[in-house]
Structure formats: structure tokens, C-alpha cells
């Protein structure tokens, strides 16, 4: 996907020449795979699984100085268009295991039961980074500034009546 704007808060790198603004859209993610599934075994378990795999989104290389004397530091080096760099991709696997404990048998058994659950987010504990630095004058050029959370686990207990 390509366009010539980064949205409502966007400012061109050179307001005297808008030709270099046409490039990859901020949301241009070339590859994306999502899988959600559930497995249910009546006797002892319910398992849910989610897999998210995606290529990186684009970001812009900037010169870090006001090349065009317009009061903005978002100018790009000569010959570089918008969103030419690409961030690293992301991978995340989430899982849920639950067990139902029924209190009665017969017609009412579906109504009253206790569910124990364990959820794990980012099960593989992979570091997924974002917010890359595009300023060529920065010592952090092409380095990420944010990371998605590490592995998280939560336990749950639910009573249904």
C-alpha cells in the first residue's frame, strides 16, 4: 500500500517539493499470519491457541537537521523517500488451558460449575520491538525504542451458575 501522507498529524519533509512524499503507507505490513484455534476434550481440558506472525512496518529515515529552513527537523537525506526503512517482524504465541469442575449431574450440570484457567501471552518469550529511530545523526539509528511485553501468565477461577 502506498500513499503520500502519514495522517492528520503529518508534515512533509520539504513543503516546497511534495514529490518525495509518495511512498509506502505507515500501515504497509506486507505479510501477516493470524491463527486462532480451540480444542475441547470433555473429560479434562479446554485448550486455546493463538499465533501471530507479521513482517515489519515501514519507518522514515531523516537527516536530523532543518535542510529546508522551515523550522522542522524531519527532512530526509537527498534521494530518500518516505518510509524506506523497515522495522523487524513480530512473532507471538498465546495459549489458554482451562478445566471445568461440575457440581451436579443431570439436567442442571451445565449451569453450575467452576472453571480453573491458565493463560500465557507471548509464550515463547520472544522480544518484539517497535518504534525505530530513523534519524541518521542519532547513535541509535535503526535501533528500536520500545518492546512489547515479555511472557505474561495469569491464573483464573470462574464460577458459573
C-alpha atoms as a PDB file:
ATOM      1  CA  UNK A   1       0.000   0.000   0.000  1.00  0.00           C
ATOM      2  CA  UNK A   2       1.334   3.415  -0.903  1.00  0.00           C
ATOM      3  CA  UNK A   3       0.156   6.965  -0.254  1.00  0.00           C
ATOM      4  CA  UNK A   4       1.526  10.486   0.116  1.00  0.00           C
ATOM      5  CA  UNK A   5       0.595  11.289   3.704  1.00  0.00           C
ATOM      6  CA  UNK A   6       1.155   9.896   7.170  1.00  0.00           C
ATOM      7  CA  UNK A   7      -2.205  11.020   8.519  1.00  0.00           C
ATOM      8  CA  UNK A   8      -3.680  14.078  10.190  1.00  0.00           C
ATOM      9  CA  UNK A   9      -0.526  14.982  12.175  1.00  0.00           C
ATOM     10  CA  UNK A  10       1.770  14.533   9.173  1.00  0.00           C
ATOM     11  CA  UNK A  11       4.118  17.247   7.873  1.00  0.00           C
ATOM     12  CA  UNK A  12       6.050  16.941   4.600  1.00  0.00           C
ATOM     13  CA  UNK A  13       9.840  16.786   4.789  1.00  0.00           C
ATOM     14  CA  UNK A  14      10.079  19.543   2.161  1.00  0.00           C
ATOM     15  CA  UNK A  15       6.952  21.625   1.741  1.00  0.00           C
ATOM     16  CA  UNK A  16       8.414  23.154  -1.452  1.00  0.00           C
ATOM     17  CA  UNK A  17       8.618  19.742  -3.183  1.00  0.00           C
ATOM     18  CA  UNK A  18       5.919  17.186  -2.332  1.00  0.00           C
ATOM     19  CA  UNK A  19       7.125  14.677  -4.941  1.00  0.00           C
ATOM     20  CA  UNK A  20       9.188  12.755  -2.397  1.00  0.00           C
ATOM     21  CA  UNK A  21       6.219  12.202  -0.116  1.00  0.00           C
ATOM     22  CA  UNK A  22       4.739   9.365  -2.143  1.00  0.00           C
ATOM     23  CA  UNK A  23       5.874   6.075  -0.645  1.00  0.00           C
ATOM     24  CA  UNK A  24       4.875   3.118   1.478  1.00  0.00           C
ATOM     25  CA  UNK A  25       1.947   3.788   3.798  1.00  0.00           C
ATOM     26  CA  UNK A  26       2.631   3.806   7.548  1.00  0.00           C
ATOM     27  CA  UNK A  27       0.460   0.690   7.923  1.00  0.00           C
ATOM     28  CA  UNK A  28       2.008  -1.206   4.971  1.00  0.00           C
ATOM     29  CA  UNK A  29       2.683  -4.597   6.510  1.00  0.00           C
ATOM     30  CA  UNK A  30       3.491  -6.922   3.610  1.00  0.00           C
ATOM     31  CA  UNK A  31       2.990 -10.257   5.381  1.00  0.00           C
ATOM     32  CA  UNK A  32       0.670 -11.174   8.225  1.00  0.00           C
ATOM     33  CA  UNK A  33      -0.490 -14.536   9.561  1.00  0.00           C
ATOM     34  CA  UNK A  34      -3.057 -14.968  12.346  1.00  0.00           C
ATOM     35  CA  UNK A  35      -4.306 -18.294  13.624  1.00  0.00           C
ATOM     36  CA  UNK A  36      -6.791 -18.899  16.428  1.00  0.00           C
ATOM     37  CA  UNK A  37      -7.949 -22.325  17.475  1.00  0.00           C
ATOM     38  CA  UNK A  38      -9.677 -24.136  20.298  1.00  0.00           C
ATOM     39  CA  UNK A  39      -9.635 -27.782  21.289  1.00  0.00           C
ATOM     40  CA  UNK A  40     -12.196 -29.184  23.670  1.00  0.00           C
ATOM     41  CA  UNK A  41     -11.930 -32.544  25.411  1.00  0.00           C
ATOM     42  CA  UNK A  42     -14.982 -33.249  27.562  1.00  0.00           C
ATOM     43  CA  UNK A  43     -13.189 -35.154  30.280  1.00  0.00           C
ATOM     44  CA  UNK A  44     -10.367 -32.895  31.384  1.00  0.00           C
ATOM     45  CA  UNK A  45      -9.282 -29.951  29.234  1.00  0.00           C
ATOM     46  CA  UNK A  46     -10.060 -26.996  27.045  1.00  0.00           C
ATOM     47  CA  UNK A  47      -7.130 -25.574  25.110  1.00  0.00           C
ATOM     48  CA  UNK A  48      -6.974 -22.336  23.135  1.00  0.00           C
ATOM     49  CA  UNK A  49      -4.075 -21.264  20.935  1.00  0.00           C
ATOM     50  CA  UNK A  50      -3.313 -18.028  19.110  1.00  0.00           C
ATOM     51  CA  UNK A  51      -0.377 -17.450  16.758  1.00  0.00           C
ATOM     52  CA  UNK A  52       0.552 -14.038  15.324  1.00  0.00           C
ATOM     53  CA  UNK A  53       3.385 -13.646  12.778  1.00  0.00           C
ATOM     54  CA  UNK A  54       3.922 -10.385  10.887  1.00  0.00           C
ATOM     55  CA  UNK A  55       6.594  -8.639   8.862  1.00  0.00           C
ATOM     56  CA  UNK A  56       7.785  -5.220   9.976  1.00  0.00           C
ATOM     57  CA  UNK A  57       6.113  -1.901   9.249  1.00  0.00           C
ATOM     58  CA  UNK A  58       7.937   0.924   7.448  1.00  0.00           C
ATOM     59  CA  UNK A  59       9.523   3.966   9.030  1.00  0.00           C
ATOM     60  CA  UNK A  60      11.278   7.020   7.607  1.00  0.00           C
ATOM     61  CA  UNK A  61      14.961   7.876   7.508  1.00  0.00           C
ATOM     62  CA  UNK A  62      15.513  11.544   8.448  1.00  0.00           C
ATOM     63  CA  UNK A  63      18.571  13.805   8.249  1.00  0.00           C
ATOM     64  CA  UNK A  64      18.097  15.182  11.758  1.00  0.00           C
ATOM     65  CA  UNK A  65      18.591  18.802  10.684  1.00  0.00           C
ATOM     66  CA  UNK A  66      16.448  21.510   9.082  1.00  0.00           C
ATOM     67  CA  UNK A  67      17.731  21.227   5.497  1.00  0.00           C
ATOM     68  CA  UNK A  68      14.976  23.408   4.019  1.00  0.00           C
ATOM     69  CA  UNK A  69      14.855  26.150   6.696  1.00  0.00           C
ATOM     70  CA  UNK A  70      11.196  25.584   7.524  1.00  0.00           C
ATOM     71  CA  UNK A  71      11.589  25.030  11.265  1.00  0.00           C
ATOM     72  CA  UNK A  72      11.145  21.241  11.177  1.00  0.00           C
ATOM     73  CA  UNK A  73      13.721  18.511  11.719  1.00  0.00           C
ATOM     74  CA  UNK A  74      12.016  15.849   9.604  1.00  0.00           C
ATOM     75  CA  UNK A  75      13.952  16.478   6.362  1.00  0.00           C
ATOM     76  CA  UNK A  76      15.228  13.366   4.618  1.00  0.00           C
ATOM     77  CA  UNK A  77      18.639  12.881   3.002  1.00  0.00           C
ATOM     78  CA  UNK A  78      18.770  13.521  -0.755  1.00  0.00           C
ATOM     79  CA  UNK A  79      17.092  10.801  -2.805  1.00  0.00           C
ATOM     80  CA  UNK A  80      15.336   9.148   0.156  1.00  0.00           C
ATOM     81  CA  UNK A  81      11.554   8.962   0.007  1.00  0.00           C
ATOM     82  CA  UNK A  82       9.116   8.440   2.851  1.00  0.00           C
ATOM     83  CA  UNK A  83       9.023   5.087   4.722  1.00  0.00           C
ATOM     84  CA  UNK A  84      12.004   3.438   3.018  1.00  0.00           C
ATOM     85  CA  UNK A  85      13.236   1.566   6.114  1.00  0.00           C
ATOM     86  CA  UNK A  86      11.500  -1.481   7.560  1.00  0.00           C
ATOM     87  CA  UNK A  87      11.194  -2.497  11.213  1.00  0.00           C
ATOM     88  CA  UNK A  88      11.763  -6.078  12.344  1.00  0.00           C
ATOM     89  CA  UNK A  89       8.864  -8.508  12.209  1.00  0.00           C
ATOM     90  CA  UNK A  90       6.929  -9.809  15.204  1.00  0.00           C
ATOM     91  CA  UNK A  91       6.011 -13.295  16.391  1.00  0.00           C
ATOM     92  CA  UNK A  92       3.764 -14.097  19.324  1.00  0.00           C
ATOM     93  CA  UNK A  93       2.164 -17.319  20.572  1.00  0.00           C
ATOM     94  CA  UNK A  94      -0.615 -17.183  23.183  1.00  0.00           C
ATOM     95  CA  UNK A  95      -2.215 -20.180  24.895  1.00  0.00           C
ATOM     96  CA  UNK A  96      -5.028 -20.912  27.349  1.00  0.00           C
ATOM     97  CA  UNK A  97      -5.755 -24.103  29.274  1.00  0.00           C
ATOM     98  CA  UNK A  98      -8.940 -24.486  31.306  1.00  0.00           C
ATOM     99  CA  UNK A  99     -10.657 -27.254  33.245  1.00  0.00           C
ATOM    100  CA  UNK A 100     -14.330 -27.370  34.268  1.00  0.00           C
ATOM    101  CA  UNK A 101     -15.380 -28.894  37.585  1.00  0.00           C
ATOM    102  CA  UNK A 102     -19.119 -29.699  37.669  1.00  0.00           C
ATOM    103  CA  UNK A 103     -21.054 -29.689  40.956  1.00  0.00           C
ATOM    104  CA  UNK A 104     -24.082 -31.763  39.967  1.00  0.00           C
ATOM    105  CA  UNK A 105     -25.107 -34.352  37.429  1.00  0.00           C
ATOM    106  CA  UNK A 106     -28.074 -34.405  35.137  1.00  0.00           C
ATOM    107  CA  UNK A 107     -30.062 -31.564  33.596  1.00  0.00           C
ATOM    108  CA  UNK A 108     -28.594 -28.790  35.759  1.00  0.00           C
ATOM    109  CA  UNK A 109     -24.941 -29.893  35.399  1.00  0.00           C
ATOM    110  CA  UNK A 110     -24.245 -27.388  32.641  1.00  0.00           C
ATOM    111  CA  UNK A 111     -25.413 -24.488  34.791  1.00  0.00           C
ATOM    112  CA  UNK A 112     -23.293 -24.831  37.933  1.00  0.00           C
ATOM    113  CA  UNK A 113     -19.587 -25.375  37.531  1.00  0.00           C
ATOM    114  CA  UNK A 114     -16.195 -23.975  38.444  1.00  0.00           C
ATOM    115  CA  UNK A 115     -13.582 -23.278  35.774  1.00  0.00           C
ATOM    116  CA  UNK A 116      -9.857 -23.141  36.524  1.00  0.00           C
ATOM    117  CA  UNK A 117      -7.750 -21.474  33.842  1.00  0.00           C
ATOM    118  CA  UNK A 118      -4.156 -20.616  32.971  1.00  0.00           C
ATOM    119  CA  UNK A 119      -3.352 -18.075  30.245  1.00  0.00           C
ATOM    120  CA  UNK A 120       0.097 -17.441  28.764  1.00  0.00           C
ATOM    121  CA  UNK A 121       0.785 -14.484  26.477  1.00  0.00           C
ATOM    122  CA  UNK A 122       3.969 -14.383  24.363  1.00  0.00           C
ATOM    123  CA  UNK A 123       4.556 -17.983  25.382  1.00  0.00           C
ATOM    124  CA  UNK A 124       7.911 -18.195  23.574  1.00  0.00           C
ATOM    125  CA  UNK A 125       9.093 -15.020  25.369  1.00  0.00           C
ATOM    126  CA  UNK A 126      10.332 -13.549  22.081  1.00  0.00           C
ATOM    127  CA  UNK A 127      11.445  -9.924  22.096  1.00  0.00           C
ATOM    128  CA  UNK A 128       9.196  -7.989  19.675  1.00  0.00           C
ATOM    129  CA  UNK A 129      10.496  -4.474  19.115  1.00  0.00           C
ATOM    130  CA  UNK A 130       8.979  -1.286  17.696  1.00  0.00           C
ATOM    131  CA  UNK A 131       9.425   2.483  17.487  1.00  0.00           C
ATOM    132  CA  UNK A 132      12.637   2.503  15.454  1.00  0.00           C
ATOM    133  CA  UNK A 133      14.910   5.573  15.288  1.00  0.00           C
ATOM    134  CA  UNK A 134      15.132   6.956  11.747  1.00  0.00           C
ATOM    135  CA  UNK A 135      17.424   9.924  12.497  1.00  0.00           C
ATOM    136  CA  UNK A 136      20.799   9.291  10.785  1.00  0.00           C
ATOM    137  CA  UNK A 137      22.556  11.633  13.251  1.00  0.00           C
ATOM    138  CA  UNK A 138      21.429   9.606  16.243  1.00  0.00           C
ATOM    139  CA  UNK A 139      23.691   6.982  17.791  1.00  0.00           C
ATOM    140  CA  UNK A 140      20.535   4.848  17.967  1.00  0.00           C
ATOM    141  CA  UNK A 141      19.866   4.997  14.208  1.00  0.00           C
ATOM    142  CA  UNK A 142      17.834   1.935  13.109  1.00  0.00           C
ATOM    143  CA  UNK A 143      17.555   0.748  16.725  1.00  0.00           C
ATOM    144  CA  UNK A 144      14.204   0.078  18.437  1.00  0.00           C
ATOM    145  CA  UNK A 145      12.973   2.290  21.274  1.00  0.00           C
ATOM    146  CA  UNK A 146      10.088   0.128  22.515  1.00  0.00           C
ATOM    147  CA  UNK A 147       9.383  -3.530  23.130  1.00  0.00           C
ATOM    148  CA  UNK A 148       6.176  -5.471  23.519  1.00  0.00           C
ATOM    149  CA  UNK A 149       5.709  -7.145  26.908  1.00  0.00           C
ATOM    150  CA  UNK A 150       7.669 -10.266  27.820  1.00  0.00           C
ATOM    151  CA  UNK A 151       5.915 -13.532  28.661  1.00  0.00           C
ATOM    152  CA  UNK A 152       2.914 -12.977  30.924  1.00  0.00           C
ATOM    153  CA  UNK A 153       0.894 -15.594  32.716  1.00  0.00           C
ATOM    154  CA  UNK A 154      -2.383 -15.280  34.551  1.00  0.00           C
ATOM    155  CA  UNK A 155      -4.488 -17.698  36.515  1.00  0.00           C
ATOM    156  CA  UNK A 156      -8.263 -17.511  36.660  1.00  0.00           C
ATOM    157  CA  UNK A 157     -11.138 -19.021  38.563  1.00  0.00           C
ATOM    158  CA  UNK A 158     -14.751 -18.655  37.382  1.00  0.00           C
ATOM    159  CA  UNK A 159     -17.970 -19.863  38.969  1.00  0.00           C
ATOM    160  CA  UNK A 160     -20.915 -20.206  36.610  1.00  0.00           C
ATOM    161  CA  UNK A 161     -24.441 -20.716  37.923  1.00  0.00           C
END
